[in-house]
Protein backbone atom coordinates (compact mmCIF):
# COMPACT_ATOMS: atom_id res chain seq x y z
CA UNK A 1 113.49 51.73 30.06
CA UNK A 2 111.23 51.93 27.26
CA UNK A 3 109.63 48.90 25.53
CA UNK A 4 107.77 48.30 22.19
CA UNK A 5 105.24 45.51 21.85
CA UNK A 6 103.52 44.69 18.31
CA UNK A 7 100.99 42.03 18.72
CA UNK A 8 97.54 41.39 17.34
CA UNK A 9 94.85 42.74 19.52
CA UNK A 10 93.23 39.18 19.73
CA UNK A 11 96.52 38.16 21.43
CA UNK A 12 95.77 40.58 24.53
CA UNK A 13 94.83 38.70 27.37
CA UNK A 14 95.76 38.41 31.47
CA UNK A 15 99.02 37.05 30.86
CA UNK A 16 99.69 40.04 28.91
CA UNK A 17 98.97 42.53 31.40
CA UNK A 18 101.02 40.29 34.12
CA UNK A 19 104.06 40.27 31.90
CA UNK A 20 103.80 44.26 31.62
CA UNK A 21 103.08 44.41 35.70
CA UNK A 22 106.14 42.14 36.31
CA UNK A 23 108.62 44.31 33.91
CA UNK A 24 107.68 47.66 35.48
CA UNK A 25 106.66 46.87 39.12
CA UNK A 26 105.33 49.39 41.20
CA UNK A 27 105.94 52.24 38.59
CA UNK A 28 103.70 54.83 36.73
CA UNK A 29 104.11 53.96 32.87
CA UNK A 30 102.43 55.17 30.04
CA UNK A 31 100.89 52.94 27.50
CA UNK A 32 100.00 54.47 23.88
CA UNK A 33 98.20 52.02 21.31
CA UNK A 34 98.36 52.89 17.82
CA UNK A 35 97.00 50.52 14.42
CA UNK A 36 99.93 49.20 12.24
CA UNK A 37 99.72 49.76 8.47
CA UNK A 38 98.93 46.59 6.87
CA UNK A 39 102.15 46.49 4.98
CA UNK A 40 104.59 46.66 7.86
CA UNK A 41 108.23 46.65 7.22
CA UNK A 42 110.62 45.91 10.04
CA UNK A 43 113.69 48.60 10.53
CA UNK A 44 116.05 46.44 8.42
CA UNK A 45 114.21 45.81 5.81
CA UNK A 46 113.96 49.35 5.62
CA UNK A 47 117.42 50.56 5.87
CA UNK A 48 118.24 47.27 3.22
CA UNK A 49 115.96 49.22 0.49
CA UNK A 50 118.35 52.05 0.34
CA UNK A 51 121.64 50.80 -1.59
CA UNK A 52 124.19 52.89 0.56
CA UNK A 53 122.49 51.67 3.72
CA UNK A 54 122.56 48.03 2.59
CA UNK A 55 126.20 48.07 1.99
CA UNK A 56 126.81 49.83 5.02
CA UNK A 57 124.61 46.91 7.19
CA UNK A 58 126.46 44.19 5.38
CA UNK A 59 130.03 45.70 6.13
CA UNK A 60 129.04 45.84 9.88
CA UNK A 61 127.96 42.17 9.58
CA UNK A 62 130.70 41.27 8.02
CA UNK A 63 133.27 43.19 10.87
CA UNK A 64 131.35 41.16 13.68
CA UNK A 65 131.81 37.68 11.63
CA UNK A 66 135.63 38.75 11.46
CA UNK A 67 135.82 39.64 15.01
CA UNK A 68 136.52 43.18 13.80
CA UNK A 69 135.05 44.95 16.46
CA UNK A 70 135.46 48.46 18.04
CA UNK A 71 135.31 49.03 21.78
CA UNK A 72 133.68 52.45 22.81
CA UNK A 73 134.12 53.98 26.52
CA UNK A 74 130.71 55.74 26.80
CA UNK A 75 131.95 58.26 29.61
CA UNK A 76 134.29 59.88 27.06
CA UNK A 77 131.63 60.46 24.53
């Protein structure tokens, strides 16, 4: 399992550690820490900045709203 947390270092406390322990009980885990750039963009904003990607995302959103979904059998991929 992969989980990404983004938070301010001021918010680190015992509850955060307890939540990690509860999510990964009795497992060896790896924790990497990096500083976030001051100008932070989420993935959707990044993709929407490109006109071709934006058109594709908006079309996909419209398909979901219109219940035009595709079922994929992962075993057949």
